Amino acid sequence: MKRNIDNAEHYNWGAECDGWILSPRPEMMVIQERMPPATAEKRHYHNVARQFFYVLSGELTMELDGTYHSLPSMSGIEIPPLGRHQARNDSGADVHFLVISSPTTRGDRVDLE
């Protein structure tokens, strides 16, 4: 089935962020997310899941194990299992990105701080 944000399952997270589940499979989950300016997720890690964040538009800041990475559109970063990370939007515009997780992160997230 063709998927996009118009027909995918939608959820809100954080204060003002959006997520659309494009592929809900247990072996690989694909989510498109939108973060408005000045938003951030809770710093966390996953015991098993490996993730890849790919920026579609805007600029995402990813903190991974204490190092900050600026990710402009059409670039991404891999997060290994146990990698402590936090996605942030430090810019003045929305950022849209894909999060590909293998396997799914459902039940595999440990929040920090």
N, C-alpha and C. Protein backbone atom coordinates (compact mmCIF):
# COMPACT_ATOMS: atom_id res chain seq x y z
N MET A 1 0.84 -1.19 0.00
CA MET A 1 0.00 0.00 0.00
C MET A 1 0.88 1.25 0.00
N LYS A 2 0.52 2.20 -0.82
CA LYS A 2 1.23 3.48 -0.87
C LYS A 2 0.97 4.23 0.43
N ARG A 3 2.05 4.76 1.05
CA ARG A 3 1.93 5.48 2.32
C ARG A 3 2.49 6.88 2.21
N ASN A 4 1.82 7.80 2.89
CA ASN A 4 2.30 9.16 3.05
C ASN A 4 1.62 9.73 4.29
N ILE A 5 1.91 10.98 4.63
CA ILE A 5 1.37 11.53 5.87
C ILE A 5 -0.15 11.72 5.82
N ASP A 6 -0.74 11.65 4.62
CA ASP A 6 -2.19 11.78 4.51
C ASP A 6 -2.93 10.51 4.91
N ASN A 7 -2.30 9.34 4.76
CA ASN A 7 -3.01 8.10 5.08
C ASN A 7 -2.32 7.25 6.15
N ALA A 8 -1.20 7.72 6.70
CA ALA A 8 -0.48 6.97 7.74
C ALA A 8 -1.05 7.29 9.12
N GLU A 9 -0.85 6.37 10.04
CA GLU A 9 -1.25 6.60 11.43
C GLU A 9 -0.44 7.78 11.99
N HIS A 10 -1.14 8.75 12.57
CA HIS A 10 -0.51 9.97 13.09
C HIS A 10 -0.51 9.94 14.62
N TYR A 11 0.54 10.50 15.21
CA TYR A 11 0.57 10.69 16.66
C TYR A 11 1.33 11.97 16.98
N ASN A 12 1.07 12.53 18.14
CA ASN A 12 1.79 13.70 18.64
C ASN A 12 2.76 13.24 19.71
N TRP A 13 3.90 13.89 19.77
CA TRP A 13 4.87 13.60 20.84
C TRP A 13 5.50 14.91 21.28
N GLY A 14 6.04 14.89 22.49
CA GLY A 14 6.59 16.12 23.04
C GLY A 14 5.51 17.18 23.12
N ALA A 15 5.91 18.42 23.09
CA ALA A 15 4.96 19.52 23.21
C ALA A 15 4.19 19.77 21.92
N GLU A 16 4.88 19.74 20.79
CA GLU A 16 4.25 20.17 19.53
C GLU A 16 4.69 19.35 18.32
N CYS A 17 5.27 18.19 18.52
CA CYS A 17 5.85 17.43 17.42
C CYS A 17 4.87 16.40 16.87
N ASP A 18 5.06 16.05 15.59
CA ASP A 18 4.19 15.09 14.90
C ASP A 18 4.99 13.90 14.43
N GLY A 19 4.33 12.75 14.38
CA GLY A 19 4.91 11.55 13.80
C GLY A 19 3.86 10.83 12.97
N TRP A 20 4.30 10.25 11.85
CA TRP A 20 3.43 9.45 10.99
C TRP A 20 4.12 8.11 10.78
N ILE A 21 3.45 7.02 11.12
CA ILE A 21 4.02 5.68 10.98
C ILE A 21 3.81 5.23 9.54
N LEU A 22 4.88 5.22 8.76
CA LEU A 22 4.81 4.84 7.36
C LEU A 22 4.93 3.33 7.17
N SER A 23 5.69 2.68 8.04
CA SER A 23 5.82 1.22 8.00
C SER A 23 5.90 0.71 9.44
N PRO A 24 4.86 0.01 9.91
CA PRO A 24 4.80 -0.41 11.31
C PRO A 24 5.35 -1.80 11.59
N ARG A 25 6.15 -2.35 10.74
CA ARG A 25 6.59 -3.74 10.88
C ARG A 25 7.55 -3.92 12.08
N PRO A 26 7.44 -5.05 12.76
CA PRO A 26 8.32 -5.29 13.91
C PRO A 26 9.80 -5.37 13.54
N GLU A 27 10.12 -5.86 12.33
CA GLU A 27 11.52 -5.99 11.94
C GLU A 27 12.12 -4.69 11.41
N MET A 28 11.25 -3.73 11.01
CA MET A 28 11.74 -2.43 10.55
C MET A 28 10.60 -1.42 10.60
N MET A 29 10.77 -0.40 11.40
CA MET A 29 9.76 0.65 11.49
C MET A 29 10.28 1.90 10.79
N VAL A 30 9.40 2.55 10.00
CA VAL A 30 9.75 3.80 9.33
C VAL A 30 8.73 4.85 9.75
N ILE A 31 9.23 5.95 10.28
CA ILE A 31 8.38 7.04 10.76
C ILE A 31 8.85 8.34 10.12
N GLN A 32 7.91 9.17 9.69
CA GLN A 32 8.23 10.53 9.29
C GLN A 32 7.84 11.43 10.44
N GLU A 33 8.72 12.36 10.80
CA GLU A 33 8.46 13.25 11.93
C GLU A 33 8.64 14.71 11.53
N ARG A 34 7.95 15.56 12.29
CA ARG A 34 8.07 17.01 12.14
C ARG A 34 8.33 17.60 13.51
N MET A 35 9.37 18.42 13.59
CA MET A 35 9.68 19.14 14.83
C MET A 35 9.68 20.64 14.53
N PRO A 36 8.84 21.42 15.23
CA PRO A 36 8.88 22.87 15.08
C PRO A 36 10.15 23.44 15.72
N PRO A 37 10.43 24.71 15.47
CA PRO A 37 11.61 25.34 16.08
C PRO A 37 11.58 25.24 17.61
N ALA A 38 12.76 25.14 18.19
CA ALA A 38 12.95 25.14 19.65
C ALA A 38 12.29 23.96 20.35
N THR A 39 12.25 22.79 19.68
CA THR A 39 11.73 21.58 20.32
C THR A 39 12.83 20.53 20.38
N ALA A 40 12.67 19.58 21.28
CA ALA A 40 13.64 18.49 21.44
C ALA A 40 12.95 17.28 22.03
N GLU A 41 13.46 16.11 21.70
CA GLU A 41 12.95 14.90 22.34
C GLU A 41 13.73 14.66 23.63
N LYS A 42 13.25 13.76 24.47
CA LYS A 42 14.00 13.39 25.67
C LYS A 42 15.23 12.59 25.25
N ARG A 43 16.33 12.85 25.93
CA ARG A 43 17.55 12.09 25.68
C ARG A 43 17.28 10.65 26.10
N HIS A 44 17.70 9.68 25.27
CA HIS A 44 17.38 8.28 25.52
C HIS A 44 18.33 7.37 24.75
N TYR A 45 18.11 6.07 24.91
CA TYR A 45 18.82 5.07 24.09
C TYR A 45 17.90 3.89 23.87
N HIS A 46 18.31 3.01 22.97
CA HIS A 46 17.58 1.78 22.68
C HIS A 46 18.54 0.61 22.92
N ASN A 47 18.07 -0.41 23.60
CA ASN A 47 18.90 -1.57 23.89
C ASN A 47 19.24 -2.38 22.64
N VAL A 48 18.28 -2.54 21.74
CA VAL A 48 18.45 -3.42 20.59
C VAL A 48 18.40 -2.68 19.26
N ALA A 49 17.50 -1.73 19.11
CA ALA A 49 17.26 -1.09 17.82
C ALA A 49 18.43 -0.23 17.35
N ARG A 50 18.70 -0.33 16.07
CA ARG A 50 19.62 0.56 15.36
C ARG A 50 18.73 1.51 14.58
N GLN A 51 19.07 2.80 14.56
CA GLN A 51 18.24 3.79 13.88
C GLN A 51 19.04 4.59 12.87
N PHE A 52 18.33 5.09 11.87
CA PHE A 52 18.92 6.02 10.92
C PHE A 52 17.96 7.19 10.78
N PHE A 53 18.43 8.40 11.07
CA PHE A 53 17.67 9.63 10.94
C PHE A 53 18.09 10.29 9.63
N TYR A 54 17.12 10.59 8.77
CA TYR A 54 17.41 11.21 7.48
C TYR A 54 16.56 12.46 7.32
N VAL A 55 17.20 13.61 7.16
CA VAL A 55 16.51 14.90 7.11
C VAL A 55 15.98 15.15 5.70
N LEU A 56 14.66 15.40 5.62
CA LEU A 56 14.01 15.71 4.35
C LEU A 56 14.06 17.21 4.06
N SER A 57 13.78 18.02 5.09
CA SER A 57 13.86 19.48 4.95
C SER A 57 14.14 20.10 6.30
N GLY A 58 14.79 21.25 6.27
CA GLY A 58 15.18 21.91 7.50
C GLY A 58 16.54 21.42 7.97
N GLU A 59 16.83 21.65 9.25
CA GLU A 59 18.11 21.26 9.83
C GLU A 59 17.87 20.66 11.20
N LEU A 60 18.35 19.45 11.41
CA LEU A 60 18.21 18.72 12.67
C LEU A 60 19.54 18.73 13.40
N THR A 61 19.51 18.94 14.69
CA THR A 61 20.69 18.77 15.52
C THR A 61 20.53 17.45 16.26
N MET A 62 21.52 16.57 16.15
CA MET A 62 21.48 15.29 16.84
C MET A 62 22.66 15.24 17.80
N GLU A 63 22.34 15.07 19.07
CA GLU A 63 23.39 14.82 20.06
C GLU A 63 23.51 13.31 20.19
N LEU A 64 24.71 12.79 20.00
CA LEU A 64 24.98 11.36 20.11
C LEU A 64 26.19 11.17 21.01
N ASP A 65 25.96 10.58 22.17
CA ASP A 65 27.03 10.29 23.12
C ASP A 65 27.89 11.52 23.41
N GLY A 66 27.23 12.67 23.57
CA GLY A 66 27.91 13.90 23.96
C GLY A 66 28.45 14.75 22.83
N THR A 67 28.35 14.28 21.58
CA THR A 67 28.80 15.04 20.42
C THR A 67 27.59 15.53 19.64
N TYR A 68 27.62 16.81 19.25
CA TYR A 68 26.51 17.41 18.51
C TYR A 68 26.81 17.37 17.02
N HIS A 69 25.82 16.94 16.23
CA HIS A 69 25.93 16.85 14.78
C HIS A 69 24.83 17.70 14.16
N SER A 70 25.20 18.60 13.26
CA SER A 70 24.24 19.41 12.52
C SER A 70 23.94 18.69 11.21
N LEU A 71 22.66 18.38 10.99
CA LEU A 71 22.25 17.62 9.82
C LEU A 71 21.35 18.46 8.93
N PRO A 72 21.88 19.01 7.83
CA PRO A 72 21.04 19.75 6.90
C PRO A 72 20.20 18.78 6.07
N SER A 73 19.27 19.33 5.29
CA SER A 73 18.42 18.48 4.46
C SER A 73 19.26 17.60 3.54
N MET A 74 18.73 16.42 3.29
CA MET A 74 19.33 15.40 2.44
C MET A 74 20.60 14.81 3.05
N SER A 75 20.65 14.76 4.38
CA SER A 75 21.75 14.09 5.07
C SER A 75 21.17 13.34 6.28
N GLY A 76 21.97 12.42 6.82
CA GLY A 76 21.47 11.62 7.92
C GLY A 76 22.58 11.13 8.83
N ILE A 77 22.16 10.41 9.87
CA ILE A 77 23.10 9.85 10.85
C ILE A 77 22.55 8.54 11.38
N GLU A 78 23.45 7.59 11.58
CA GLU A 78 23.09 6.29 12.15
C GLU A 78 23.31 6.32 13.66
N ILE A 79 22.34 5.78 14.39
CA ILE A 79 22.42 5.68 15.84
C ILE A 79 22.51 4.20 16.21
N PRO A 80 23.64 3.75 16.76
CA PRO A 80 23.78 2.33 17.10
C PRO A 80 22.99 1.98 18.37
N PRO A 81 22.71 0.70 18.57
CA PRO A 81 22.11 0.30 19.84
C PRO A 81 22.97 0.81 21.00
N LEU A 82 22.32 1.23 22.06
CA LEU A 82 22.92 1.78 23.28
C LEU A 82 23.50 3.19 23.10
N GLY A 83 23.41 3.75 21.88
CA GLY A 83 23.88 5.12 21.65
C GLY A 83 22.93 6.11 22.31
N ARG A 84 23.44 6.86 23.25
CA ARG A 84 22.61 7.85 23.96
C ARG A 84 22.46 9.07 23.05
N HIS A 85 21.21 9.41 22.75
CA HIS A 85 20.99 10.45 21.76
C HIS A 85 19.77 11.31 22.06
N GLN A 86 19.75 12.47 21.38
CA GLN A 86 18.63 13.40 21.49
C GLN A 86 18.54 14.20 20.20
N ALA A 87 17.37 14.15 19.55
CA ALA A 87 17.11 14.97 18.36
C ALA A 87 16.59 16.32 18.84
N ARG A 88 17.10 17.39 18.21
CA ARG A 88 16.71 18.75 18.58
C ARG A 88 16.50 19.58 17.32
N ASN A 89 15.62 20.55 17.41
CA ASN A 89 15.50 21.54 16.34
C ASN A 89 15.92 22.88 16.92
N ASP A 90 17.16 23.24 16.70
CA ASP A 90 17.70 24.51 17.19
C ASP A 90 17.54 25.62 16.15
N SER A 91 16.92 25.32 15.03
CA SER A 91 16.77 26.30 13.95
C SER A 91 15.47 27.10 14.13
N GLY A 92 15.23 28.01 13.20
CA GLY A 92 14.04 28.85 13.25
C GLY A 92 12.92 28.36 12.36
N ALA A 93 13.03 27.16 11.80
CA ALA A 93 12.01 26.61 10.90
C ALA A 93 11.75 25.15 11.24
N ASP A 94 10.60 24.65 10.80
CA ASP A 94 10.29 23.23 11.01
C ASP A 94 11.36 22.35 10.38
N VAL A 95 11.59 21.19 10.97
CA VAL A 95 12.45 20.18 10.36
C VAL A 95 11.59 18.92 10.17
N HIS A 96 11.71 18.34 8.98
CA HIS A 96 10.99 17.10 8.63
C HIS A 96 12.05 16.04 8.37
N PHE A 97 11.85 14.85 8.94
CA PHE A 97 12.86 13.81 8.78
C PHE A 97 12.23 12.42 8.89
N LEU A 98 12.97 11.43 8.41
CA LEU A 98 12.59 10.03 8.53
C LEU A 98 13.41 9.40 9.65
N VAL A 99 12.78 8.49 10.38
CA VAL A 99 13.47 7.67 11.37
C VAL A 99 13.22 6.22 10.97
N ILE A 100 14.29 5.51 10.60
CA ILE A 100 14.20 4.11 10.23
C ILE A 100 14.83 3.31 11.36
N SER A 101 14.07 2.39 11.92
CA SER A 101 14.53 1.62 13.09
C SER A 101 14.45 0.14 12.79
N SER A 102 15.54 -0.59 13.10
CA SER A 102 15.56 -2.03 12.90
C SER A 102 16.18 -2.71 14.10
N PRO A 103 15.42 -3.57 14.82
CA PRO A 103 13.98 -3.75 14.69
C PRO A 103 13.24 -2.55 15.25
N THR A 104 11.92 -2.66 15.37
CA THR A 104 11.11 -1.57 15.91
C THR A 104 11.64 -1.12 17.27
N THR A 105 11.40 0.14 17.59
CA THR A 105 11.79 0.67 18.90
C THR A 105 10.70 0.50 19.94
N ARG A 106 9.56 -0.03 19.56
CA ARG A 106 8.45 -0.23 20.50
C ARG A 106 8.91 -1.14 21.65
N GLY A 107 8.86 -0.60 22.87
CA GLY A 107 9.28 -1.35 24.05
C GLY A 107 10.78 -1.43 24.25
N ASP A 108 11.54 -0.68 23.47
CA ASP A 108 13.01 -0.77 23.50
C ASP A 108 13.65 0.57 23.88
N ARG A 109 12.88 1.53 24.35
CA ARG A 109 13.41 2.85 24.65
C ARG A 109 13.62 3.02 26.16
N VAL A 110 14.79 3.59 26.50
CA VAL A 110 15.11 3.89 27.90
C VAL A 110 15.39 5.39 27.97
N ASP A 111 14.49 6.14 28.63
CA ASP A 111 14.68 7.59 28.79
C ASP A 111 15.76 7.87 29.82
N LEU A 112 16.53 8.94 29.59
CA LEU A 112 17.60 9.36 30.50
C LEU A 112 17.21 10.69 31.15
N GLU A 113 17.86 10.99 32.25
CA GLU A 113 17.72 12.26 32.98
C GLU A 113 16.30 12.46 33.40
